Amino acid sequence: MRHNAMTSKRFENQVVIVTGASQGIGQATAIAFAREGAFVVVNYRQNAEGARQTLAAMETVGQGGGVLVQADVGALEGCLALMEAADALGPVSVLVNNAAFIARSSFLDAPVEELTRSFEVNVRGPYYLSQMAARRMIRQGRGAIIHISSILARQAMPNRSAYIASKGAIEALTRAMALDLAPYNIRVNAIAPGLVDTKALRAGFPHPEFERVLASYILANRLGRPEELARAILFLASDEASYINGIVLPVDAGLAITEAGPAIHGDS
């Protein structure tokens, strides 16, 4: 069944947490859930203005609503604060672990702090948040957890070693969590975005020709849009994906099956 983005209410009256929702994929995902009737906990760490823009857009679509929660999910205290804020709204049905820390140092030069921070935000935070959310989902007899991985978990590029290692870990965690939580009717899946037009991507490829070069190696001949990733996330969180568990879904227009080395390296 195809859902009309303006009228579907797959998540009506459900509480959904989206971390890192002040921009990019997280922002698009929060808006998409609100459009389908969810009450969304919009998490952010520093970008308060972006978070306010997310909330304003959610209110504009007119279906669900939301609340802003500032918290650093790389710290246990931040995870606890986020879950406490969600508890005040009602039982959590969906958790989307989207917040990320991207380190861009070469392997030889990377300080230990970059590796530590990468795993704090990209692995430990999702681990603790998922654990807290799952304990609450068990009481309802159901739930869905979505991790955001990356194409780089399987297709490496230079100067991203800490980030790549953390995304490999989150894919392994997805499978492990799915096994442990399946008896409680809680599904755990992940998506692996390809090259998506976000501020984070553009910060890593400052060359003015980067978009043309990258797009030439993508089967769709363009960068992805955050809204396209959001649709995949909503699908995995919905009852339409009730028989899907423990997978990592590539959302990359086929980039993972192409010879993408020159594009990722920035060569023309």
C-alpha atoms as a PDB file:
ATOM      1  CA  MET A   1       0.000   0.000   0.000  1.00  0.00           C
ATOM      2  CA  ARG A   2       1.384   3.375  -0.971  1.00  0.00           C
ATOM      3  CA  HIS A   3       1.062   6.125   1.624  1.00  0.00           C
ATOM      4  CA  ASN A   4       0.232   9.675   0.697  1.00  0.00           C
ATOM      5  CA  ALA A   5       2.723  11.929   2.477  1.00  0.00           C
ATOM      6  CA  MET A   6      -0.027  14.446   3.224  1.00  0.00           C
ATOM      7  CA  THR A   7      -2.629  12.091   4.687  1.00  0.00           C
ATOM      8  CA  SER A   8      -0.924   8.948   6.037  1.00  0.00           C
ATOM      9  CA  LYS A   9      -0.975   8.517   9.801  1.00  0.00           C
ATOM     10  CA  ARG A  10       1.106   5.379  10.271  1.00  0.00           C
ATOM     11  CA  PHE A  11       2.570   6.756  13.503  1.00  0.00           C
ATOM     12  CA  GLU A  12      -0.404   8.626  14.892  1.00  0.00           C
ATOM     13  CA  ASN A  13      -0.119   9.264  18.654  1.00  0.00           C
ATOM     14  CA  GLN A  14       3.204   7.418  18.869  1.00  0.00           C
ATOM     15  CA  VAL A  15       6.243   8.897  20.626  1.00  0.00           C
ATOM     16  CA  VAL A  16       9.345   8.844  18.440  1.00  0.00           C
ATOM     17  CA  ILE A  17      12.876   9.914  19.390  1.00  0.00           C
ATOM     18  CA  VAL A  18      15.210  11.198  16.677  1.00  0.00           C
ATOM     19  CA  THR A  19      18.740  12.098  17.757  1.00  0.00           C
ATOM     20  CA  GLY A  20      20.744  14.690  15.878  1.00  0.00           C
ATOM     21  CA  ALA A  21      17.575  16.176  14.420  1.00  0.00           C
ATOM     22  CA  SER A  22      18.667  19.785  13.940  1.00  0.00           C
ATOM     23  CA  GLN A  23      19.776  19.305  10.326  1.00  0.00           C
ATOM     24  CA  GLY A  24      20.232  16.853   7.469  1.00  0.00           C
ATOM     25  CA  ILE A  25      18.829  13.338   7.660  1.00  0.00           C
ATOM     26  CA  GLY A  26      17.725  13.720  11.283  1.00  0.00           C
ATOM     27  CA  GLN A  27      15.790  16.879  10.542  1.00  0.00           C
ATOM     28  CA  ALA A  28      14.059  15.342   7.514  1.00  0.00           C
ATOM     29  CA  THR A  29      13.229  12.236   9.545  1.00  0.00           C
ATOM     30  CA  ALA A  30      11.672  14.177  12.428  1.00  0.00           C
ATOM     31  CA  ILE A  31       9.512  16.150   9.991  1.00  0.00           C
ATOM     32  CA  ALA A  32       8.438  12.979   8.190  1.00  0.00           C
ATOM     33  CA  PHE A  33       7.368  11.285  11.429  1.00  0.00           C
ATOM     34  CA  ALA A  34       5.418  14.370  12.497  1.00  0.00           C
ATOM     35  CA  ARG A  35       3.687  14.436   9.124  1.00  0.00           C
ATOM     36  CA  GLU A  36       2.451  10.922   9.815  1.00  0.00           C
ATOM     37  CA  GLY A  37       1.014  11.771  13.196  1.00  0.00           C
ATOM     38  CA  ALA A  38       3.873  11.064  15.594  1.00  0.00           C
ATOM     39  CA  PHE A  39       4.905  13.179  18.540  1.00  0.00           C
ATOM     40  CA  VAL A  40       8.632  13.577  17.986  1.00  0.00           C
ATOM     41  CA  VAL A  41      11.352  14.185  20.542  1.00  0.00           C
ATOM     42  CA  VAL A  42      13.796  16.337  18.575  1.00  0.00           C
ATOM     43  CA  ASN A  43      17.265  15.921  20.029  1.00  0.00           C
ATOM     44  CA  TYR A  44      20.157  18.277  19.355  1.00  0.00           C
ATOM     45  CA  ARG A  45      23.470  19.075  21.020  1.00  0.00           C
ATOM     46  CA  GLN A  46      24.526  22.571  19.863  1.00  0.00           C
ATOM     47  CA  ASN A  47      22.478  23.695  16.859  1.00  0.00           C
ATOM     48  CA  ALA A  48      19.522  25.243  18.684  1.00  0.00           C
ATOM     49  CA  GLU A  49      18.465  27.315  15.682  1.00  0.00           C
ATOM     50  CA  GLY A  50      18.402  24.264  13.447  1.00  0.00           C
ATOM     51  CA  ALA A  51      16.352  22.392  16.047  1.00  0.00           C
ATOM     52  CA  ARG A  52      13.863  25.261  16.175  1.00  0.00           C
ATOM     53  CA  GLN A  53      13.592  25.124  12.393  1.00  0.00           C
ATOM     54  CA  THR A  54      12.891  21.408  12.620  1.00  0.00           C
ATOM     55  CA  LEU A  55      10.120  22.004  15.144  1.00  0.00           C
ATOM     56  CA  ALA A  56       8.618  24.819  13.070  1.00  0.00           C
ATOM     57  CA  ALA A  57       8.535  22.608   9.982  1.00  0.00           C
ATOM     58  CA  MET A  58       6.943  19.798  11.987  1.00  0.00           C
ATOM     59  CA  GLU A  59       4.204  22.136  13.166  1.00  0.00           C
ATOM     60  CA  THR A  60       3.644  23.321   9.611  1.00  0.00           C
ATOM     61  CA  VAL A  61       2.895  19.846   8.269  1.00  0.00           C
ATOM     62  CA  GLY A  62       0.018  19.759  10.730  1.00  0.00           C
ATOM     63  CA  GLN A  63      -0.247  16.087  11.722  1.00  0.00           C
ATOM     64  CA  GLY A  64       1.944  15.382  14.751  1.00  0.00           C
ATOM     65  CA  GLY A  65       3.910  17.598  17.101  1.00  0.00           C
ATOM     66  CA  GLY A  66       7.190  17.681  18.910  1.00  0.00           C
ATOM     67  CA  VAL A  67       9.457  18.914  21.665  1.00  0.00           C
ATOM     68  CA  LEU A  68      13.091  20.007  21.646  1.00  0.00           C
ATOM     69  CA  VAL A  69      15.573  18.297  23.961  1.00  0.00           C
ATOM     70  CA  GLN A  70      19.166  19.445  24.159  1.00  0.00           C
ATOM     71  CA  ALA A  71      21.396  16.552  25.150  1.00  0.00           C
ATOM     72  CA  ASP A  72      24.799  15.148  24.251  1.00  0.00           C
ATOM     73  CA  VAL A  73      24.072  11.515  23.420  1.00  0.00           C
ATOM     74  CA  GLY A  74      27.797  10.796  23.595  1.00  0.00           C
ATOM     75  CA  ALA A  75      27.517  11.085  27.376  1.00  0.00           C
ATOM     76  CA  LEU A  76      25.490   8.785  29.591  1.00  0.00           C
ATOM     77  CA  GLU A  77      24.016  11.799  31.377  1.00  0.00           C
ATOM     78  CA  GLY A  78      22.731  13.105  28.043  1.00  0.00           C
ATOM     79  CA  CYS A  79      21.110   9.773  27.221  1.00  0.00           C
ATOM     80  CA  LEU A  80      19.387   9.718  30.600  1.00  0.00           C
ATOM     81  CA  ALA A  81      18.128  13.282  30.180  1.00  0.00           C
ATOM     82  CA  LEU A  82      16.763  12.505  26.725  1.00  0.00           C
ATOM     83  CA  MET A  83      14.886   9.439  27.901  1.00  0.00           C
ATOM     84  CA  GLU A  84      13.471  11.298  30.890  1.00  0.00           C
ATOM     85  CA  ALA A  85      12.104  13.955  28.555  1.00  0.00           C
ATOM     86  CA  ALA A  86      10.572  11.280  26.351  1.00  0.00           C
ATOM     87  CA  ASP A  87       9.016   9.508  29.337  1.00  0.00           C
ATOM     88  CA  ALA A  88       7.099  12.669  30.149  1.00  0.00           C
ATOM     89  CA  LEU A  89       5.353  12.412  26.780  1.00  0.00           C
ATOM     90  CA  GLY A  90       4.345   8.766  26.840  1.00  0.00           C
ATOM     91  CA  PRO A  91       5.627   5.319  25.860  1.00  0.00           C
ATOM     92  CA  VAL A  92       8.391   5.400  23.249  1.00  0.00           C
ATOM     93  CA  SER A  93       7.509   3.417  20.116  1.00  0.00           C
ATOM     94  CA  VAL A  94      10.425   4.275  17.828  1.00  0.00           C
ATOM     95  CA  LEU A  95      14.037   5.306  18.383  1.00  0.00           C
ATOM     96  CA  VAL A  96      16.161   6.622  15.523  1.00  0.00           C
ATOM     97  CA  ASN A  97      19.851   6.824  16.425  1.00  0.00           C
ATOM     98  CA  ASN A  98      21.005   9.409  13.913  1.00  0.00           C
ATOM     99  CA  ALA A  99      23.408  11.697  15.816  1.00  0.00           C
ATOM    100  CA  ALA A 100      26.998  11.277  14.659  1.00  0.00           C
ATOM    101  CA  PHE A 101      30.507  12.536  15.189  1.00  0.00           C
ATOM    102  CA  ILE A 102      32.660  12.620  12.053  1.00  0.00           C
ATOM    103  CA  ALA A 103      36.429  12.649  12.529  1.00  0.00           C
ATOM    104  CA  ARG A 104      38.496  13.578   9.473  1.00  0.00           C
ATOM    105  CA  SER A 105      42.096  12.968  10.555  1.00  0.00           C
ATOM    106  CA  SER A 106      44.429  10.553   8.854  1.00  0.00           C
ATOM    107  CA  PHE A 107      45.029   7.301  10.727  1.00  0.00           C
ATOM    108  CA  LEU A 108      48.643   8.195  11.533  1.00  0.00           C
ATOM    109  CA  ASP A 109      47.781  11.645  12.857  1.00  0.00           C
ATOM    110  CA  ALA A 110      44.461  11.012  14.611  1.00  0.00           C
ATOM    111  CA  PRO A 111      44.553  11.765  18.341  1.00  0.00           C
ATOM    112  CA  VAL A 112      43.065   9.216  20.702  1.00  0.00           C
ATOM    113  CA  GLU A 113      40.369  11.769  21.587  1.00  0.00           C
ATOM    114  CA  GLU A 114      38.895  11.441  18.074  1.00  0.00           C
ATOM    115  CA  LEU A 115      38.541   7.689  18.398  1.00  0.00           C
ATOM    116  CA  THR A 116      37.050   8.077  21.860  1.00  0.00           C
ATOM    117  CA  ARG A 117      34.532  10.694  20.744  1.00  0.00           C
ATOM    118  CA  SER A 118      33.607   8.712  17.613  1.00  0.00           C
ATOM    119  CA  PHE A 119      32.673   5.695  19.684  1.00  0.00           C
ATOM    120  CA  GLU A 120      30.985   7.750  22.397  1.00  0.00           C
ATOM    121  CA  VAL A 121      28.546   9.362  19.950  1.00  0.00           C
ATOM    122  CA  ASN A 122      28.303   6.752  17.194  1.00  0.00           C
ATOM    123  CA  VAL A 123      28.260   3.539  19.274  1.00  0.00           C
ATOM    124  CA  ARG A 124      28.024   4.013  23.033  1.00  0.00           C
ATOM    125  CA  GLY A 125      25.222   6.573  22.804  1.00  0.00           C
ATOM    126  CA  PRO A 126      23.055   4.397  20.538  1.00  0.00           C
ATOM    127  CA  TYR A 127      23.826   1.396  22.763  1.00  0.00           C
ATOM    128  CA  TYR A 128      22.643   3.080  25.953  1.00  0.00           C
ATOM    129  CA  LEU A 129      19.690   4.870  24.358  1.00  0.00           C
ATOM    130  CA  SER A 130      18.552   1.650  22.721  1.00  0.00           C
ATOM    131  CA  GLN A 131      18.886  -0.231  25.986  1.00  0.00           C
ATOM    132  CA  MET A 132      16.774   2.360  27.800  1.00  0.00           C
ATOM    133  CA  ALA A 133      14.200   2.522  25.005  1.00  0.00           C
ATOM    134  CA  ALA A 134      13.977  -1.270  24.678  1.00  0.00           C
ATOM    135  CA  ARG A 135      13.190  -1.683  28.369  1.00  0.00           C
ATOM    136  CA  ARG A 136      10.255   0.679  27.860  1.00  0.00           C
ATOM    137  CA  MET A 137       9.173  -0.944  24.596  1.00  0.00           C
ATOM    138  CA  ILE A 138       8.972  -4.330  26.330  1.00  0.00           C
ATOM    139  CA  ARG A 139       6.152  -2.974  28.485  1.00  0.00           C
ATOM    140  CA  GLN A 140       4.192  -2.174  25.307  1.00  0.00           C
ATOM    141  CA  GLY A 141       4.980  -5.507  23.696  1.00  0.00           C
ATOM    142  CA  ARG A 142       6.512  -3.918  20.587  1.00  0.00           C
ATOM    143  CA  GLY A 143       8.915  -1.307  19.240  1.00  0.00           C
ATOM    144  CA  ALA A 144      11.346  -0.384  16.487  1.00  0.00           C
ATOM    145  CA  ILE A 145      14.915   0.866  16.688  1.00  0.00           C
ATOM    146  CA  ILE A 146      16.723   2.262  13.655  1.00  0.00           C
ATOM    147  CA  HIS A 147      20.454   2.939  13.571  1.00  0.00           C
ATOM    148  CA  ILE A 148      22.059   5.164  10.948  1.00  0.00           C
ATOM    149  CA  SER A 149      25.218   3.583   9.577  1.00  0.00           C
ATOM    150  CA  SER A 150      27.091   4.681   6.448  1.00  0.00           C
ATOM    151  CA  ILE A 151      28.267   3.364   3.106  1.00  0.00           C
ATOM    152  CA  LEU A 152      31.740   3.882   4.564  1.00  0.00           C
ATOM    153  CA  ALA A 153      31.277   0.951   6.930  1.00  0.00           C
ATOM    154  CA  ARG A 154      32.003  -1.233   3.892  1.00  0.00           C
ATOM    155  CA  GLN A 155      33.590   1.122   1.371  1.00  0.00           C
ATOM    156  CA  ALA A 156      36.422   2.935   3.096  1.00  0.00           C
ATOM    157  CA  MET A 157      37.925   6.273   2.148  1.00  0.00           C
ATOM    158  CA  PRO A 158      41.026   8.109   3.374  1.00  0.00           C
ATOM    159  CA  ASN A 159      41.111  10.104   6.598  1.00  0.00           C
ATOM    160  CA  ARG A 160      37.989   8.629   8.166  1.00  0.00           C
ATOM    161  CA  SER A 161      39.405   5.672  10.160  1.00  0.00           C
ATOM    162  CA  ALA A 162      37.717   6.439  13.497  1.00  0.00           C
ATOM    163  CA  TYR A 163      34.363   7.192  11.880  1.00  0.00           C
ATOM    164  CA  ILE A 164      34.524   4.094   9.688  1.00  0.00           C
ATOM    165  CA  ALA A 165      35.393   1.882  12.650  1.00  0.00           C
ATOM    166  CA  SER A 166      32.431   3.226  14.613  1.00  0.00           C
ATOM    167  CA  LYS A 167      30.024   2.626  11.744  1.00  0.00           C
ATOM    168  CA  GLY A 168      31.268  -0.932  11.355  1.00  0.00           C
ATOM    169  CA  ALA A 169      30.548  -1.392  15.043  1.00  0.00           C
ATOM    170  CA  ILE A 170      26.996  -0.031  14.761  1.00  0.00           C
ATOM    171  CA  GLU A 171      26.223  -2.508  11.969  1.00  0.00           C
ATOM    172  CA  ALA A 172      27.435  -5.386  14.141  1.00  0.00           C
ATOM    173  CA  LEU A 173      25.423  -4.008  17.048  1.00  0.00           C
ATOM    174  CA  THR A 174      22.319  -3.911  14.852  1.00  0.00           C
ATOM    175  CA  ARG A 175      22.515  -7.649  14.279  1.00  0.00           C
ATOM    176  CA  ALA A 176      23.293  -8.457  17.902  1.00  0.00           C
ATOM    177  CA  MET A 177      20.459  -6.318  19.232  1.00  0.00           C
ATOM    178  CA  ALA A 178      17.998  -7.818  16.760  1.00  0.00           C
ATOM    179  CA  LEU A 179      18.737 -11.293  18.137  1.00  0.00           C
ATOM    180  CA  ASP A 180      18.374 -10.275  21.777  1.00  0.00           C
ATOM    181  CA  LEU A 181      15.227  -8.179  21.321  1.00  0.00           C
ATOM    182  CA  ALA A 182      13.284 -10.322  18.859  1.00  0.00           C
ATOM    183  CA  PRO A 183      11.583 -12.318  21.656  1.00  0.00           C
ATOM    184  CA  TYR A 184      10.037  -9.050  22.845  1.00  0.00           C
ATOM    185  CA  ASN A 185       8.667  -8.056  19.432  1.00  0.00           C
ATOM    186  CA  ILE A 186      11.217  -5.260  19.100  1.00  0.00           C
ATOM    187  CA  ARG A 187      12.805  -4.964  15.664  1.00  0.00           C
ATOM    188  CA  VAL A 188      16.262  -3.472  15.142  1.00  0.00           C
ATOM    189  CA  ASN A 189      17.455  -2.405  11.714  1.00  0.00           C
ATOM    190  CA  ALA A 190      19.847   0.103  10.194  1.00  0.00           C
ATOM    191  CA  ILE A 191      20.194   2.095   7.019  1.00  0.00           C
ATOM    192  CA  ALA A 192      23.493   2.814   5.282  1.00  0.00           C
ATOM    193  CA  PRO A 193      23.210   6.149   3.487  1.00  0.00           C
ATOM    194  CA  GLY A 194      25.297   6.772   0.428  1.00  0.00           C
ATOM    195  CA  LEU A 195      26.261  10.288  -0.641  1.00  0.00           C
ATOM    196  CA  VAL A 196      23.513  12.537   0.678  1.00  0.00           C
ATOM    197  CA  ASP A 197      23.379  16.296   0.196  1.00  0.00           C
ATOM    198  CA  THR A 198      23.929  17.498   3.748  1.00  0.00           C
ATOM    199  CA  LYS A 199      26.140  20.056   5.446  1.00  0.00           C
ATOM    200  CA  ALA A 200      28.239  17.235   6.869  1.00  0.00           C
ATOM    201  CA  LEU A 201      28.960  15.825   3.407  1.00  0.00           C
ATOM    202  CA  ARG A 202      29.828  19.208   1.939  1.00  0.00           C
ATOM    203  CA  ALA A 203      32.155  19.948   4.843  1.00  0.00           C
ATOM    204  CA  GLY A 204      34.153  16.854   3.924  1.00  0.00           C
ATOM    205  CA  PHE A 205      34.381  17.705   0.204  1.00  0.00           C
ATOM    206  CA  PRO A 206      35.065  21.456  -0.031  1.00  0.00           C
ATOM    207  CA  HIS A 207      36.273  21.383  -3.650  1.00  0.00           C
ATOM    208  CA  PRO A 208      33.745  23.282  -5.838  1.00  0.00           C
ATOM    209  CA  GLU A 209      33.657  20.446  -8.388  1.00  0.00           C
ATOM    210  CA  PHE A 210      33.000  17.747  -5.821  1.00  0.00           C
ATOM    211  CA  GLU A 211      29.280  17.360  -6.524  1.00  0.00           C
ATOM    212  CA  ARG A 212      29.753  16.836 -10.251  1.00  0.00           C
ATOM    213  CA  VAL A 213      32.521  14.304  -9.702  1.00  0.00           C
ATOM    214  CA  LEU A 214      30.666  12.386  -7.011  1.00  0.00           C
ATOM    215  CA  ALA A 215      27.393  12.367  -8.937  1.00  0.00           C
ATOM    216  CA  SER A 216      29.105  10.822 -11.949  1.00  0.00           C
ATOM    217  CA  TYR A 217      29.704   7.637  -9.920  1.00  0.00           C
ATOM    218  CA  ILE A 218      26.136   7.375  -8.634  1.00  0.00           C
ATOM    219  CA  LEU A 219      23.627   5.448 -10.736  1.00  0.00           C
ATOM    220  CA  ALA A 220      21.026   8.170 -10.173  1.00  0.00           C
ATOM    221  CA  ASN A 221      23.605  10.763 -11.323  1.00  0.00           C
ATOM    222  CA  ARG A 222      22.927  12.962  -8.302  1.00  0.00           C
ATOM    223  CA  LEU A 223      23.381  13.156  -4.552  1.00  0.00           C
ATOM    224  CA  GLY A 224      20.659  11.775  -2.346  1.00  0.00           C
ATOM    225  CA  ARG A 225      18.189  14.001  -0.571  1.00  0.00           C
ATOM    226  CA  PRO A 226      17.635  13.775   3.195  1.00  0.00           C
ATOM    227  CA  GLU A 227      13.910  13.227   2.567  1.00  0.00           C
ATOM    228  CA  GLU A 228      14.705  10.057   0.627  1.00  0.00           C
ATOM    229  CA  LEU A 229      16.598   8.659   3.583  1.00  0.00           C
ATOM    230  CA  ALA A 230      13.743   9.632   5.887  1.00  0.00           C
ATOM    231  CA  ARG A 231      11.295   7.586   3.829  1.00  0.00           C
ATOM    232  CA  ALA A 232      13.470   4.494   4.224  1.00  0.00           C
ATOM    233  CA  ILE A 233      13.699   5.051   7.969  1.00  0.00           C
ATOM    234  CA  LEU A 234       9.923   5.399   8.305  1.00  0.00           C
ATOM    235  CA  PHE A 235       9.419   2.227   6.297  1.00  0.00           C
ATOM    236  CA  LEU A 236      11.695   0.199   8.580  1.00  0.00           C
ATOM    237  CA  ALA A 237       9.967   1.645  11.647  1.00  0.00           C
ATOM    238  CA  SER A 238       6.481   0.890  10.329  1.00  0.00           C
ATOM    239  CA  ASP A 239       4.294  -2.192  10.384  1.00  0.00           C
ATOM    240  CA  GLU A 240       4.958  -2.518   6.660  1.00  0.00           C
ATOM    241  CA  ALA A 241       8.396  -3.817   7.653  1.00  0.00           C
ATOM    242  CA  SER A 242       7.060  -6.202  10.303  1.00  0.00           C
ATOM    243  CA  TYR A 243       8.993  -9.154   8.806  1.00  0.00           C
ATOM    244  CA  ILE A 244      12.286  -7.254   8.468  1.00  0.00           C
ATOM    245  CA  ASN A 245      14.735  -7.526  11.344  1.00  0.00           C
ATOM    246  CA  GLY A 246      18.496  -7.266  11.796  1.00  0.00           C
ATOM    247  CA  ILE A 247      19.319  -5.830   8.375  1.00  0.00           C
ATOM    248  CA  VAL A 248      21.437  -2.942   7.133  1.00  0.00           C
ATOM    249  CA  LEU A 249      19.562  -1.376   4.230  1.00  0.00           C
ATOM    250  CA  PRO A 250      21.720   0.526   1.716  1.00  0.00           C
ATOM    251  CA  VAL A 251      20.043   3.745   0.585  1.00  0.00           C
ATOM    252  CA  ASP A 252      22.602   4.903  -1.932  1.00  0.00           C
ATOM    253  CA  ALA A 253      21.151   4.699  -5.467  1.00  0.00           C
ATOM    254  CA  GLY A 254      23.363   1.661  -6.077  1.00  0.00           C
ATOM    255  CA  LEU A 255      26.663   3.320  -5.183  1.00  0.00           C
ATOM    256  CA  ALA A 256      27.710   0.317  -3.108  1.00  0.00           C
ATOM    257  CA  ILE A 257      27.656  -1.926  -6.177  1.00  0.00           C
ATOM    258  CA  THR A 258      29.754   0.384  -8.366  1.00  0.00           C
ATOM    259  CA  GLU A 259      33.477   1.043  -8.593  1.00  0.00           C
ATOM    260  CA  ALA A 260      33.327   4.239  -6.551  1.00  0.00           C
ATOM    261  CA  GLY A 261      36.983   4.590  -5.609  1.00  0.00           C
ATOM    262  CA  PRO A 262      37.812   7.608  -7.780  1.00  0.00           C
ATOM    263  CA  ALA A 263      34.709   9.481  -6.629  1.00  0.00           C
ATOM    264  CA  ILE A 264      35.294   8.894  -2.947  1.00  0.00           C
ATOM    265  CA  HIS A 265      38.951   9.793  -3.241  1.00  0.00           C
ATOM    266  CA  GLY A 266      37.980  13.011  -5.010  1.00  0.00           C
ATOM    267  CA  ASP A 267      39.881  12.183  -8.217  1.00  0.00           C
ATOM    268  CA  SER A 268      38.459  13.251 -11.538  1.00  0.00           C
END
